[in-house]
Amino acid sequence: MSRPTKPIIIDSPDFQAFLKYARNYYFTIAKLAWDVALKFIDECGIPRDRAIYIWGKIFETFSSPLRYLYNEWDLLPPDYKDKFMSDEVKREIEERAKQLISKHIDITQPNYQEM
Protein backbone atom coordinates (compact mmCIF):
# COMPACT_ATOMS: atom_id res chain seq x y z
CA MET A 1 0.00 0.00 0.00
CA SER A 2 1.41 3.39 -0.95
CA ARG A 3 1.65 6.44 1.23
CA PRO A 4 -1.15 8.96 0.89
CA THR A 5 -0.23 12.06 -1.05
CA LYS A 6 -0.31 15.41 0.66
CA PRO A 7 -2.09 18.38 -0.90
CA ILE A 8 0.00 21.01 -2.63
CA ILE A 9 -0.36 24.50 -1.20
CA ILE A 10 1.35 26.54 -3.88
CA ASP A 11 2.01 29.72 -1.89
CA SER A 12 3.37 27.94 1.19
CA PRO A 13 7.04 28.42 2.15
CA ASP A 14 7.47 24.64 2.17
CA PHE A 15 6.32 24.33 -1.45
CA GLN A 16 8.53 27.23 -2.54
CA ALA A 17 11.51 25.49 -0.91
CA PHE A 18 10.48 22.27 -2.64
CA LEU A 19 10.50 24.03 -6.03
CA LYS A 20 14.12 25.07 -5.44
CA TYR A 21 14.90 21.47 -4.52
CA ALA A 22 13.13 20.20 -7.67
CA ARG A 23 15.05 22.63 -9.91
CA ASN A 24 18.31 21.46 -8.37
CA TYR A 25 17.29 17.79 -8.72
CA TYR A 26 16.24 18.07 -12.39
CA PHE A 27 19.34 20.12 -13.26
CA THR A 28 21.57 17.45 -11.72
CA ILE A 29 19.72 14.69 -13.57
CA ALA A 30 19.94 16.63 -16.86
CA LYS A 31 23.72 17.04 -16.42
CA LEU A 32 24.12 13.35 -15.63
CA ALA A 33 22.09 12.37 -18.71
CA TRP A 34 24.15 14.74 -20.88
CA ASP A 35 27.40 13.24 -19.57
CA VAL A 36 26.14 9.78 -20.57
CA ALA A 37 25.07 11.06 -24.02
CA LEU A 38 28.51 12.63 -24.56
CA LYS A 39 30.11 9.32 -23.68
CA PHE A 40 28.09 7.78 -26.55
CA ILE A 41 29.53 10.42 -28.89
CA ASP A 42 33.10 9.84 -27.70
CA GLU A 43 33.12 6.07 -27.41
CA CYS A 44 30.57 5.00 -30.02
CA GLY A 45 31.00 7.77 -32.56
CA ILE A 46 27.28 8.49 -32.86
CA PRO A 47 26.24 11.85 -34.35
CA ARG A 48 25.51 14.74 -31.97
CA ASP A 49 21.84 14.98 -33.00
CA ARG A 50 21.40 11.32 -32.09
CA ALA A 51 23.12 11.99 -28.75
CA ILE A 52 20.56 14.72 -28.03
CA TYR A 53 17.80 12.15 -28.59
CA ILE A 54 19.62 9.71 -26.29
CA TRP A 55 19.97 12.50 -23.71
CA GLY A 56 16.19 12.97 -23.74
CA LYS A 57 15.53 9.27 -23.24
CA ILE A 58 18.07 9.02 -20.43
CA PHE A 59 16.60 12.11 -18.76
CA GLU A 60 13.11 10.58 -18.96
CA THR A 61 14.41 7.39 -17.37
CA PHE A 62 16.39 9.05 -14.57
CA SER A 63 13.93 11.74 -13.55
CA SER A 64 10.78 11.16 -11.58
CA PRO A 65 7.51 13.04 -12.02
CA LEU A 66 7.18 16.18 -9.92
CA ARG A 67 4.30 14.66 -7.92
CA TYR A 68 6.44 11.73 -6.76
CA LEU A 69 9.35 14.03 -6.05
CA TYR A 70 7.03 16.16 -3.89
CA ASN A 71 6.03 13.10 -1.87
CA GLU A 72 9.70 12.22 -1.37
CA TRP A 73 10.31 15.78 -0.17
CA ASP A 74 8.34 14.88 2.97
CA LEU A 75 10.87 12.19 3.84
CA LEU A 76 13.88 14.50 3.78
CA PRO A 77 15.28 15.65 7.13
CA PRO A 78 14.41 19.25 8.09
CA ASP A 79 18.04 20.39 8.14
CA TYR A 80 18.40 19.29 4.50
CA LYS A 81 15.15 21.06 3.52
CA ASP A 82 16.46 24.26 5.14
CA LYS A 83 19.05 24.55 2.37
CA PHE A 84 16.25 25.32 -0.08
CA MET A 85 14.29 27.86 2.02
CA SER A 86 14.69 31.53 1.24
CA ASP A 87 16.43 33.75 3.76
CA GLU A 88 13.18 35.66 4.23
CA VAL A 89 11.32 32.50 5.25
CA LYS A 90 14.14 31.51 7.61
CA ARG A 91 13.95 34.93 9.31
CA GLU A 92 10.16 34.64 9.59
CA ILE A 93 10.46 31.21 11.21
CA GLU A 94 13.03 32.55 13.69
CA GLU A 95 10.72 35.46 14.56
CA ARG A 96 7.81 33.09 15.20
CA ALA A 97 10.00 30.85 17.33
CA LYS A 98 11.14 33.83 19.43
CA GLN A 99 7.51 34.88 19.93
CA LEU A 100 6.53 31.40 21.04
CA ILE A 101 9.46 31.16 23.42
CA SER A 102 8.63 34.55 24.94
CA LYS A 103 5.05 33.37 25.55
CA HIS A 104 6.20 30.04 26.92
CA ILE A 105 4.48 28.84 30.07
CA ASP A 106 6.69 27.17 32.63
CA ILE A 107 5.72 23.49 32.38
CA THR A 108 7.02 22.80 35.87
CA GLN A 109 4.15 24.84 37.30
CA PRO A 110 0.81 23.00 37.20
CA ASN A 111 -1.86 24.89 35.33
CA TYR A 112 -4.67 22.74 36.63
CA GLN A 113 -5.76 21.43 40.00
CA GLU A 114 -5.35 17.78 40.72
CA MET A 115 -8.31 16.05 42.25
C-alpha atoms as a PDB file:
ATOM      1  CA  MET A   1       0.000   0.000   0.000  1.00  0.00           C
ATOM      2  CA  SER A   2       1.414   3.387  -0.954  1.00  0.00           C
ATOM      3  CA  ARG A   3       1.647   6.443   1.227  1.00  0.00           C
ATOM      4  CA  PRO A   4      -1.151   8.965   0.894  1.00  0.00           C
ATOM      5  CA  THR A   5      -0.232  12.064  -1.048  1.00  0.00           C
ATOM      6  CA  LYS A   6      -0.309  15.413   0.655  1.00  0.00           C
ATOM      7  CA  PRO A   7      -2.089  18.382  -0.900  1.00  0.00           C
ATOM      8  CA  ILE A   8       0.000  21.014  -2.635  1.00  0.00           C
ATOM      9  CA  ILE A   9      -0.359  24.505  -1.202  1.00  0.00           C
ATOM     10  CA  ILE A  10       1.351  26.542  -3.885  1.00  0.00           C
ATOM     11  CA  ASP A  11       2.012  29.715  -1.891  1.00  0.00           C
ATOM     12  CA  SER A  12       3.373  27.937   1.189  1.00  0.00           C
ATOM     13  CA  PRO A  13       7.044  28.421   2.147  1.00  0.00           C
ATOM     14  CA  ASP A  14       7.472  24.641   2.175  1.00  0.00           C
ATOM     15  CA  PHE A  15       6.321  24.329  -1.448  1.00  0.00           C
ATOM     16  CA  GLN A  16       8.530  27.227  -2.537  1.00  0.00           C
ATOM     17  CA  ALA A  17      11.514  25.488  -0.910  1.00  0.00           C
ATOM     18  CA  PHE A  18      10.476  22.270  -2.641  1.00  0.00           C
ATOM     19  CA  LEU A  19      10.500  24.033  -6.030  1.00  0.00           C
ATOM     20  CA  LYS A  20      14.124  25.070  -5.444  1.00  0.00           C
ATOM     21  CA  TYR A  21      14.897  21.466  -4.519  1.00  0.00           C
ATOM     22  CA  ALA A  22      13.132  20.200  -7.671  1.00  0.00           C
ATOM     23  CA  ARG A  23      15.055  22.625  -9.912  1.00  0.00           C
ATOM     24  CA  ASN A  24      18.309  21.456  -8.371  1.00  0.00           C
ATOM     25  CA  TYR A  25      17.291  17.791  -8.723  1.00  0.00           C
ATOM     26  CA  TYR A  26      16.244  18.069 -12.387  1.00  0.00           C
ATOM     27  CA  PHE A  27      19.337  20.117 -13.261  1.00  0.00           C
ATOM     28  CA  THR A  28      21.572  17.451 -11.721  1.00  0.00           C
ATOM     29  CA  ILE A  29      19.722  14.688 -13.575  1.00  0.00           C
ATOM     30  CA  ALA A  30      19.941  16.626 -16.860  1.00  0.00           C
ATOM     31  CA  LYS A  31      23.715  17.043 -16.422  1.00  0.00           C
ATOM     32  CA  LEU A  32      24.117  13.349 -15.635  1.00  0.00           C
ATOM     33  CA  ALA A  33      22.085  12.373 -18.707  1.00  0.00           C
ATOM     34  CA  TRP A  34      24.146  14.736 -20.879  1.00  0.00           C
ATOM     35  CA  ASP A  35      27.397  13.237 -19.569  1.00  0.00           C
ATOM     36  CA  VAL A  36      26.140   9.784 -20.570  1.00  0.00           C
ATOM     37  CA  ALA A  37      25.074  11.056 -24.015  1.00  0.00           C
ATOM     38  CA  LEU A  38      28.513  12.634 -24.557  1.00  0.00           C
ATOM     39  CA  LYS A  39      30.105   9.316 -23.679  1.00  0.00           C
ATOM     40  CA  PHE A  40      28.089   7.776 -26.547  1.00  0.00           C
ATOM     41  CA  ILE A  41      29.533  10.418 -28.894  1.00  0.00           C
ATOM     42  CA  ASP A  42      33.099   9.843 -27.701  1.00  0.00           C
ATOM     43  CA  GLU A  43      33.117   6.068 -27.406  1.00  0.00           C
ATOM     44  CA  CYS A  44      30.572   4.999 -30.016  1.00  0.00           C
ATOM     45  CA  GLY A  45      30.996   7.769 -32.565  1.00  0.00           C
ATOM     46  CA  ILE A  46      27.282   8.494 -32.859  1.00  0.00           C
ATOM     47  CA  PRO A  47      26.239  11.854 -34.349  1.00  0.00           C
ATOM     48  CA  ARG A  48      25.506  14.737 -31.974  1.00  0.00           C
ATOM     49  CA  ASP A  49      21.836  14.982 -33.001  1.00  0.00           C
ATOM     50  CA  ARG A  50      21.404  11.323 -32.089  1.00  0.00           C
ATOM     51  CA  ALA A  51      23.124  11.994 -28.753  1.00  0.00           C
ATOM     52  CA  ILE A  52      20.556  14.718 -28.033  1.00  0.00           C
ATOM     53  CA  TYR A  53      17.796  12.147 -28.591  1.00  0.00           C
ATOM     54  CA  ILE A  54      19.623   9.707 -26.291  1.00  0.00           C
ATOM     55  CA  TRP A  55      19.968  12.498 -23.706  1.00  0.00           C
ATOM     56  CA  GLY A  56      16.186  12.972 -23.744  1.00  0.00           C
ATOM     57  CA  LYS A  57      15.533   9.272 -23.244  1.00  0.00           C
ATOM     58  CA  ILE A  58      18.073   9.024 -20.431  1.00  0.00           C
ATOM     59  CA  PHE A  59      16.603  12.111 -18.758  1.00  0.00           C
ATOM     60  CA  GLU A  60      13.106  10.577 -18.955  1.00  0.00           C
ATOM     61  CA  THR A  61      14.414   7.387 -17.371  1.00  0.00           C
ATOM     62  CA  PHE A  62      16.386   9.051 -14.567  1.00  0.00           C
ATOM     63  CA  SER A  63      13.935  11.744 -13.549  1.00  0.00           C
ATOM     64  CA  SER A  64      10.780  11.159 -11.583  1.00  0.00           C
ATOM     65  CA  PRO A  65       7.509  13.041 -12.024  1.00  0.00           C
ATOM     66  CA  LEU A  66       7.182  16.177  -9.924  1.00  0.00           C
ATOM     67  CA  ARG A  67       4.301  14.664  -7.920  1.00  0.00           C
ATOM     68  CA  TYR A  68       6.445  11.726  -6.760  1.00  0.00           C
ATOM     69  CA  LEU A  69       9.347  14.033  -6.048  1.00  0.00           C
ATOM     70  CA  TYR A  70       7.029  16.164  -3.888  1.00  0.00           C
ATOM     71  CA  ASN A  71       6.035  13.102  -1.867  1.00  0.00           C
ATOM     72  CA  GLU A  72       9.700  12.218  -1.371  1.00  0.00           C
ATOM     73  CA  TRP A  73      10.314  15.777  -0.170  1.00  0.00           C
ATOM     74  CA  ASP A  74       8.344  14.884   2.974  1.00  0.00           C
ATOM     75  CA  LEU A  75      10.873  12.191   3.843  1.00  0.00           C
ATOM     76  CA  LEU A  76      13.877  14.503   3.783  1.00  0.00           C
ATOM     77  CA  PRO A  77      15.277  15.654   7.135  1.00  0.00           C
ATOM     78  CA  PRO A  78      14.405  19.251   8.095  1.00  0.00           C
ATOM     79  CA  ASP A  79      18.042  20.390   8.139  1.00  0.00           C
ATOM     80  CA  TYR A  80      18.396  19.290   4.498  1.00  0.00           C
ATOM     81  CA  LYS A  81      15.152  21.063   3.523  1.00  0.00           C
ATOM     82  CA  ASP A  82      16.455  24.256   5.145  1.00  0.00           C
ATOM     83  CA  LYS A  83      19.051  24.549   2.368  1.00  0.00           C
ATOM     84  CA  PHE A  84      16.248  25.319  -0.075  1.00  0.00           C
ATOM     85  CA  MET A  85      14.295  27.855   2.016  1.00  0.00           C
ATOM     86  CA  SER A  86      14.690  31.528   1.240  1.00  0.00           C
ATOM     87  CA  ASP A  87      16.429  33.752   3.761  1.00  0.00           C
ATOM     88  CA  GLU A  88      13.176  35.655   4.229  1.00  0.00           C
ATOM     89  CA  VAL A  89      11.319  32.495   5.249  1.00  0.00           C
ATOM     90  CA  LYS A  90      14.139  31.508   7.610  1.00  0.00           C
ATOM     91  CA  ARG A  91      13.952  34.930   9.306  1.00  0.00           C
ATOM     92  CA  GLU A  92      10.164  34.635   9.588  1.00  0.00           C
ATOM     93  CA  ILE A  93      10.460  31.208  11.215  1.00  0.00           C
ATOM     94  CA  GLU A  94      13.032  32.555  13.689  1.00  0.00           C
ATOM     95  CA  GLU A  95      10.716  35.463  14.565  1.00  0.00           C
ATOM     96  CA  ARG A  96       7.810  33.088  15.198  1.00  0.00           C
ATOM     97  CA  ALA A  97       9.999  30.850  17.335  1.00  0.00           C
ATOM     98  CA  LYS A  98      11.136  33.835  19.428  1.00  0.00           C
ATOM     99  CA  GLN A  99       7.513  34.882  19.932  1.00  0.00           C
ATOM    100  CA  LEU A 100       6.530  31.397  21.035  1.00  0.00           C
ATOM    101  CA  ILE A 101       9.463  31.162  23.416  1.00  0.00           C
ATOM    102  CA  SER A 102       8.633  34.546  24.941  1.00  0.00           C
ATOM    103  CA  LYS A 103       5.052  33.374  25.551  1.00  0.00           C
ATOM    104  CA  HIS A 104       6.198  30.039  26.921  1.00  0.00           C
ATOM    105  CA  ILE A 105       4.483  28.843  30.075  1.00  0.00           C
ATOM    106  CA  ASP A 106       6.691  27.174  32.632  1.00  0.00           C
ATOM    107  CA  ILE A 107       5.720  23.494  32.376  1.00  0.00           C
ATOM    108  CA  THR A 108       7.018  22.799  35.867  1.00  0.00           C
ATOM    109  CA  GLN A 109       4.152  24.837  37.299  1.00  0.00           C
ATOM    110  CA  PRO A 110       0.813  23.000  37.195  1.00  0.00           C
ATOM    111  CA  ASN A 111      -1.858  24.892  35.329  1.00  0.00           C
ATOM    112  CA  TYR A 112      -4.671  22.740  36.628  1.00  0.00           C
ATOM    113  CA  GLN A 113      -5.755  21.434  39.996  1.00  0.00           C
ATOM    114  CA  GLU A 114      -5.355  17.781  40.716  1.00  0.00           C
ATOM    115  CA  MET A 115      -8.306  16.051  42.254  1.00  0.00           C
END
